[in-house]
Structure formats: C-alpha cells, structure tokens
PDB file of N, CA and C in Angstrom:
ATOM      1  N   MET A   1      11.751  10.352   6.232  1.00  0.00           N
ATOM      2  CA  MET A   1      11.019   9.304   6.898  1.00  0.00           C
ATOM      3  C   MET A   1      11.905   8.103   7.097  1.00  0.00           C
ATOM      4  N   SER A   2      11.704   7.378   8.175  1.00  0.00           N
ATOM      5  CA  SER A   2      12.483   6.242   8.372  1.00  0.00           C
ATOM      6  C   SER A   2      11.852   5.028   7.665  1.00  0.00           C
ATOM      7  N   GLY A   3      12.631   4.018   7.550  1.00  0.00           N
ATOM      8  CA  GLY A   3      12.160   2.834   6.933  1.00  0.00           C
ATOM      9  C   GLY A   3      10.982   2.218   7.522  1.00  0.00           C
ATOM     10  N   THR A   4      10.921   2.260   8.903  1.00  0.00           N
ATOM     11  CA  THR A   4       9.775   1.740   9.602  1.00  0.00           C
ATOM     12  C   THR A   4       8.485   2.567   9.301  1.00  0.00           C
ATOM     13  N   THR A   5       8.623   3.866   9.259  1.00  0.00           N
ATOM     14  CA  THR A   5       7.457   4.724   8.941  1.00  0.00           C
ATOM     15  C   THR A   5       6.931   4.410   7.482  1.00  0.00           C
ATOM     16  N   ASP A   6       7.892   4.201   6.589  1.00  0.00           N
ATOM     17  CA  ASP A   6       7.421   3.876   5.236  1.00  0.00           C
ATOM     18  C   ASP A   6       6.729   2.543   5.181  1.00  0.00           C
ATOM     19  N   LYS A   7       7.289   1.620   5.939  1.00  0.00           N
ATOM     20  CA  LYS A   7       6.661   0.238   5.893  1.00  0.00           C
ATOM     21  C   LYS A   7       5.236   0.302   6.574  1.00  0.00           C
ATOM     22  N   ALA A   8       5.058   1.107   7.639  1.00  0.00           N
ATOM     23  CA  ALA A   8       3.758   1.205   8.310  1.00  0.00           C
ATOM     24  C   ALA A   8       2.714   1.865   7.392  1.00  0.00           C
ATOM     25  N   LYS A   9       3.166   2.904   6.772  1.00  0.00           N
ATOM     26  CA  LYS A   9       2.276   3.572   5.758  1.00  0.00           C
ATOM     27  C   LYS A   9       1.866   2.647   4.659  1.00  0.00           C
ATOM     28  N   GLY A  10       2.876   1.921   4.195  1.00  0.00           N
ATOM     29  CA  GLY A  10       2.572   0.982   3.102  1.00  0.00           C
ATOM     30  C   GLY A  10       1.623  -0.036   3.494  1.00  0.00           C
ATOM     31  N   LEU A  11       1.694  -0.602   4.669  1.00  0.00           N
ATOM     32  CA  LEU A  11       0.748  -1.506   5.172  1.00  0.00           C
ATOM     33  C   LEU A  11      -0.652  -0.990   5.191  1.00  0.00           C
ATOM     34  N   ALA A  12      -0.726   0.230   5.750  1.00  0.00           N
ATOM     35  CA  ALA A  12      -2.047   0.872   5.844  1.00  0.00           C
ATOM     36  C   ALA A  12      -2.622   1.143   4.474  1.00  0.00           C
ATOM     37  N   ASN A  13      -1.838   1.574   3.466  1.00  0.00           N
ATOM     38  CA  ASN A  13      -2.317   1.800   2.155  1.00  0.00           C
ATOM     39  C   ASN A  13      -2.785   0.513   1.519  1.00  0.00           C
ATOM     40  N   GLU A  14      -2.062  -0.507   1.759  1.00  0.00           N
ATOM     41  CA  GLU A  14      -2.382  -1.864   1.219  1.00  0.00           C
ATOM     42  C   GLU A  14      -3.763  -2.279   1.782  1.00  0.00           C
ATOM     43  N   ALA A  15      -3.957  -2.140   3.068  1.00  0.00           N
ATOM     44  CA  ALA A  15      -5.182  -2.509   3.724  1.00  0.00           C
ATOM     45  C   ALA A  15      -6.383  -1.748   3.200  1.00  0.00           C
ATOM     46  N   VAL A  16      -6.274  -0.450   3.139  1.00  0.00           N
ATOM     47  CA  VAL A  16      -7.351   0.399   2.644  1.00  0.00           C
ATOM     48  C   VAL A  16      -7.599   0.102   1.189  1.00  0.00           C
ATOM     49  N   GLY A  17      -6.550  -0.131   0.392  1.00  0.00           N
ATOM     50  CA  GLY A  17      -6.724  -0.539  -1.038  1.00  0.00           C
ATOM     51  C   GLY A  17      -7.470  -1.809  -1.145  1.00  0.00           C
ATOM     52  N   ASN A  18      -7.161  -2.774  -0.327  1.00  0.00           N
ATOM     53  CA  ASN A  18      -7.885  -4.116  -0.429  1.00  0.00           C
ATOM     54  C   ASN A  18      -9.371  -3.890   0.019  1.00  0.00           C
ATOM     55  N   ILE A  19      -9.605  -3.047   0.966  1.00  0.00           N
ATOM     56  CA  ILE A  19     -11.022  -2.864   1.368  1.00  0.00           C
ATOM     57  C   ILE A  19     -11.756  -2.119   0.211  1.00  0.00           C
ATOM     58  N   LYS A  20     -11.222  -1.118  -0.385  1.00  0.00           N
ATOM     59  CA  LYS A  20     -11.796  -0.471  -1.483  1.00  0.00           C
ATOM     60  C   LYS A  20     -12.106  -1.357  -2.589  1.00  0.00           C
ATOM     61  N   GLN A  21     -11.150  -2.288  -2.951  1.00  0.00           N
ATOM     62  CA  GLN A  21     -11.364  -3.326  -4.025  1.00  0.00           C
ATOM     63  C   GLN A  21     -12.517  -4.198  -3.595  1.00  0.00           C
ATOM     64  N   GLY A  22     -12.643  -4.619  -2.433  1.00  0.00           N
ATOM     65  CA  GLY A  22     -13.715  -5.507  -1.972  1.00  0.00           C
ATOM     66  C   GLY A  22     -15.083  -4.800  -2.059  1.00  0.00           C
ATOM     67  N   VAL A  23     -15.189  -3.586  -1.590  1.00  0.00           N
ATOM     68  CA  VAL A  23     -16.382  -2.828  -1.695  1.00  0.00           C
ATOM     69  C   VAL A  23     -16.757  -2.562  -3.103  1.00  0.00           C
ATOM     70  N   GLY A  24     -15.753  -2.260  -3.967  1.00  0.00           N
ATOM     71  CA  GLY A  24     -16.047  -2.074  -5.421  1.00  0.00           C
ATOM     72  C   GLY A  24     -16.572  -3.286  -6.031  1.00  0.00           C
ATOM     73  N   LYS A  25     -15.991  -4.362  -5.623  1.00  0.00           N
ATOM     74  CA  LYS A  25     -16.455  -5.697  -6.262  1.00  0.00           C
ATOM     75  C   LYS A  25     -17.938  -5.986  -5.842  1.00  0.00           C
ATOM     76  N   VAL A  26     -18.255  -5.778  -4.549  1.00  0.00           N
ATOM     77  CA  VAL A  26     -19.548  -6.061  -3.993  1.00  0.00           C
ATOM     78  C   VAL A  26     -20.625  -5.109  -4.641  1.00  0.00           C
ATOM     79  N   THR A  27     -20.191  -3.769  -4.820  1.00  0.00           N
ATOM     80  CA  THR A  27     -21.176  -2.890  -5.382  1.00  0.00           C
ATOM     81  C   THR A  27     -21.064  -2.745  -6.837  1.00  0.00           C
ATOM     82  N   ASP A  28     -20.219  -3.506  -7.493  1.00  0.00           N
ATOM     83  CA  ASP A  28     -19.976  -3.510  -8.961  1.00  0.00           C
ATOM     84  C   ASP A  28     -19.564  -2.122  -9.407  1.00  0.00           C
ATOM     85  N   ASN A  29     -18.633  -1.561  -8.575  1.00  0.00           N
ATOM     86  CA  ASN A  29     -18.135  -0.184  -8.926  1.00  0.00           C
ATOM     87  C   ASN A  29     -16.646  -0.320  -9.410  1.00  0.00           C
ATOM     88  N   ASP A  30     -16.504  -0.267 -10.694  1.00  0.00           N
ATOM     89  CA  ASP A  30     -15.216  -0.454 -11.333  1.00  0.00           C
ATOM     90  C   ASP A  30     -14.210   0.626 -10.935  1.00  0.00           C
ATOM     91  N   LYS A  31     -14.720   1.877 -10.776  1.00  0.00           N
ATOM     92  CA  LYS A  31     -13.862   3.023 -10.424  1.00  0.00           C
ATOM     93  C   LYS A  31     -13.243   2.779  -8.942  1.00  0.00           C
ATOM     94  N   LEU A  32     -14.094   2.326  -8.001  1.00  0.00           N
ATOM     95  CA  LEU A  32     -13.566   2.086  -6.739  1.00  0.00           C
ATOM     96  C   LEU A  32     -12.612   0.997  -6.709  1.00  0.00           C
ATOM     97  N   ARG A  33     -12.871  -0.073  -7.509  1.00  0.00           N
ATOM     98  CA  ARG A  33     -11.961  -1.241  -7.587  1.00  0.00           C
ATOM     99  C   ARG A  33     -10.576  -0.741  -8.072  1.00  0.00           C
ATOM    100  N   ALA A  34     -10.621   0.108  -9.111  1.00  0.00           N
ATOM    101  CA  ALA A  34      -9.318   0.619  -9.744  1.00  0.00           C
ATOM    102  C   ALA A  34      -8.636   1.534  -8.687  1.00  0.00           C
ATOM    103  N   GLU A  35      -9.330   2.315  -7.913  1.00  0.00           N
ATOM    104  CA  GLU A  35      -8.781   3.090  -6.932  1.00  0.00           C
ATOM    105  C   GLU A  35      -8.085   2.295  -5.867  1.00  0.00           C
ATOM    106  N   GLY A  36      -8.828   1.245  -5.530  1.00  0.00           N
ATOM    107  CA  GLY A  36      -8.250   0.321  -4.446  1.00  0.00           C
ATOM    108  C   GLY A  36      -7.002  -0.405  -4.968  1.00  0.00           C
ATOM    109  N   LYS A  37      -6.965  -0.831  -6.146  1.00  0.00           N
ATOM    110  CA  LYS A  37      -5.793  -1.494  -6.701  1.00  0.00           C
ATOM    111  C   LYS A  37      -4.588  -0.545  -6.794  1.00  0.00           C
ATOM    112  N   ALA A  38      -4.878   0.734  -7.180  1.00  0.00           N
ATOM    113  CA  ALA A  38      -3.735   1.712  -7.165  1.00  0.00           C
ATOM    114  C   ALA A  38      -3.268   2.064  -5.806  1.00  0.00           C
ATOM    115  N   GLN A  39      -4.150   2.040  -4.782  1.00  0.00           N
ATOM    116  CA  GLN A  39      -3.703   2.382  -3.467  1.00  0.00           C
ATOM    117  C   GLN A  39      -2.916   1.123  -2.899  1.00  0.00           C
ATOM    118  N   GLU A  40      -3.322  -0.040  -3.234  1.00  0.00           N
ATOM    119  CA  GLU A  40      -2.658  -1.221  -2.824  1.00  0.00           C
ATOM    120  C   GLU A  40      -1.192  -1.291  -3.427  1.00  0.00           C
ATOM    121  N   LEU A  41      -1.077  -0.966  -4.720  1.00  0.00           N
ATOM    122  CA  LEU A  41       0.252  -0.919  -5.353  1.00  0.00           C
ATOM    123  C   LEU A  41       1.119   0.205  -4.741  1.00  0.00           C
ATOM    124  N   LYS A  42       0.495   1.329  -4.392  1.00  0.00           N
ATOM    125  CA  LYS A  42       1.289   2.389  -3.689  1.00  0.00           C
ATOM    126  C   LYS A  42       1.793   1.922  -2.386  1.00  0.00           C
ATOM    127  N   GLY A  43       0.999   1.140  -1.688  1.00  0.00           N
ATOM    128  CA  GLY A  43       1.420   0.607  -0.355  1.00  0.00           C
ATOM    129  C   GLY A  43       2.567  -0.398  -0.490  1.00  0.00           C
ATOM    130  N   GLU A  44       2.502  -1.251  -1.592  1.00  0.00           N
ATOM    131  CA  GLU A  44       3.571  -2.164  -1.762  1.00  0.00           C
ATOM    132  C   GLU A  44       4.841  -1.402  -2.073  1.00  0.00           C
ATOM    133  N   ALA A  45       4.695  -0.331  -2.802  1.00  0.00           N
ATOM    134  CA  ALA A  45       5.995   0.441  -3.199  1.00  0.00           C
ATOM    135  C   ALA A  45       6.567   1.138  -1.962  1.00  0.00           C
ATOM    136  N   GLN A  46       5.630   1.605  -1.040  1.00  0.00           N
ATOM    137  CA  GLN A  46       6.176   2.240   0.178  1.00  0.00           C
ATOM    138  C   GLN A  46       6.876   1.148   1.003  1.00  0.00           C
ATOM    139  N   GLN A  47       6.341   0.011   1.123  1.00  0.00           N
ATOM    140  CA  GLN A  47       7.021  -1.032   1.864  1.00  0.00           C
ATOM    141  C   GLN A  47       8.427  -1.354   1.294  1.00  0.00           C
ATOM    142  N   ILE A  48       8.485  -1.419   0.086  1.00  0.00           N
ATOM    143  CA  ILE A  48       9.800  -1.741  -0.664  1.00  0.00           C
ATOM    144  C   ILE A  48      10.734  -0.572  -0.307  1.00  0.00           C
ATOM    145  N   LYS A  49      10.257   0.661  -0.381  1.00  0.00           N
ATOM    146  CA  LYS A  49      11.081   1.820  -0.129  1.00  0.00           C
ATOM    147  C   LYS A  49      11.581   1.705   1.337  1.00  0.00           C
ATOM    148  N   GLY A  50      10.710   1.339   2.349  1.00  0.00           N
ATOM    149  CA  GLY A  50      11.144   1.166   3.674  1.00  0.00           C
ATOM    150  C   GLY A  50      12.225   0.123   3.883  1.00  0.00           C
ATOM    151  N   ASN A  51      12.029  -1.026   3.129  1.00  0.00           N
ATOM    152  CA  ASN A  51      12.980  -2.096   3.186  1.00  0.00           C
ATOM    153  C   ASN A  51      14.335  -1.639   2.711  1.00  0.00           C
ATOM    154  N   VAL A  52      14.344  -0.891   1.580  1.00  0.00           N
ATOM    155  CA  VAL A  52      15.604  -0.411   1.101  1.00  0.00           C
ATOM    156  C   VAL A  52      16.237   0.530   1.985  1.00  0.00           C
ATOM    157  N   LYS A  53      15.472   1.484   2.578  1.00  0.00           N
ATOM    158  CA  LYS A  53      16.095   2.346   3.596  1.00  0.00           C
ATOM    159  C   LYS A  53      16.707   1.540   4.760  1.00  0.00           C
ATOM    160  N   ASP A  54      16.001   0.538   5.235  1.00  0.00           N
ATOM    161  CA  ASP A  54      16.616  -0.257   6.333  1.00  0.00           C
ATOM    162  C   ASP A  54      17.837  -0.972   5.961  1.00  0.00           C
ATOM    163  N   ALA A  55      17.859  -1.470   4.753  1.00  0.00           N
ATOM    164  CA  ALA A  55      19.058  -2.225   4.288  1.00  0.00           C
ATOM    165  C   ALA A  55      20.261  -1.238   4.100  1.00  0.00           C
ATOM    166  N   LEU A  56      19.967  -0.122   3.646  1.00  0.00           N
ATOM    167  CA  LEU A  56      21.066   0.865   3.451  1.00  0.00           C
ATOM    168  C   LEU A  56      21.617   1.367   4.775  1.00  0.00           C
ATOM    169  N   LYS A  57      20.895   1.260   5.814  1.00  0.00           N
ATOM    170  CA  LYS A  57      21.388   1.769   7.181  1.00  0.00           C
ATOM    171  C   LYS A  57      22.247   0.732   7.847  1.00  0.00           C
ATOM    172  N   LYS A  58      22.071  -0.555   7.481  1.00  0.00           N
ATOM    173  CA  LYS A  58      22.831  -1.638   8.134  1.00  0.00           C
ATOM    174  C   LYS A  58      24.293  -1.565   7.533  1.00  0.00           C
ATOM    175  N   PRO A  59      25.185  -1.795   8.427  1.00  0.00           N
ATOM    176  CA  PRO A  59      26.628  -1.825   7.945  1.00  0.00           C
ATOM    177  C   PRO A  59      26.897  -3.099   7.163  1.00  0.00           C
TER     178      PRO A  59
END
C-alpha cells in the first residue's frame, strides 16, 4: 500500500471511531465507546504509517 492509501484509510477509521464513541456516549454503551476509541487509535497509527512511507520515498 502506498502512503496515501494508508493515510486515507486512517482518516476513515478515525472518523468511524469518533462516530462510534459519540453513539456510545449518547446511548451509555461503554463497549461501543471502547470500540470507537480503539478504531480511532488504529486510524491514527495508519496515518503515521502513511507519513513514514511518504518520508522514506522522498530523496
């Protein structure tokens, strides 16, 4: 995967994670909030991975 692909997937995971956290908070569902937080962190890691890939490609 390219760095751009990793960054895009990371943004999507962060967005979905934030939505899950919000729904979990509104419905008082701790499990959903935890899933959302985990997905958000996964997205952040994917974005970092994409940034690293892009940095390594540059001369």
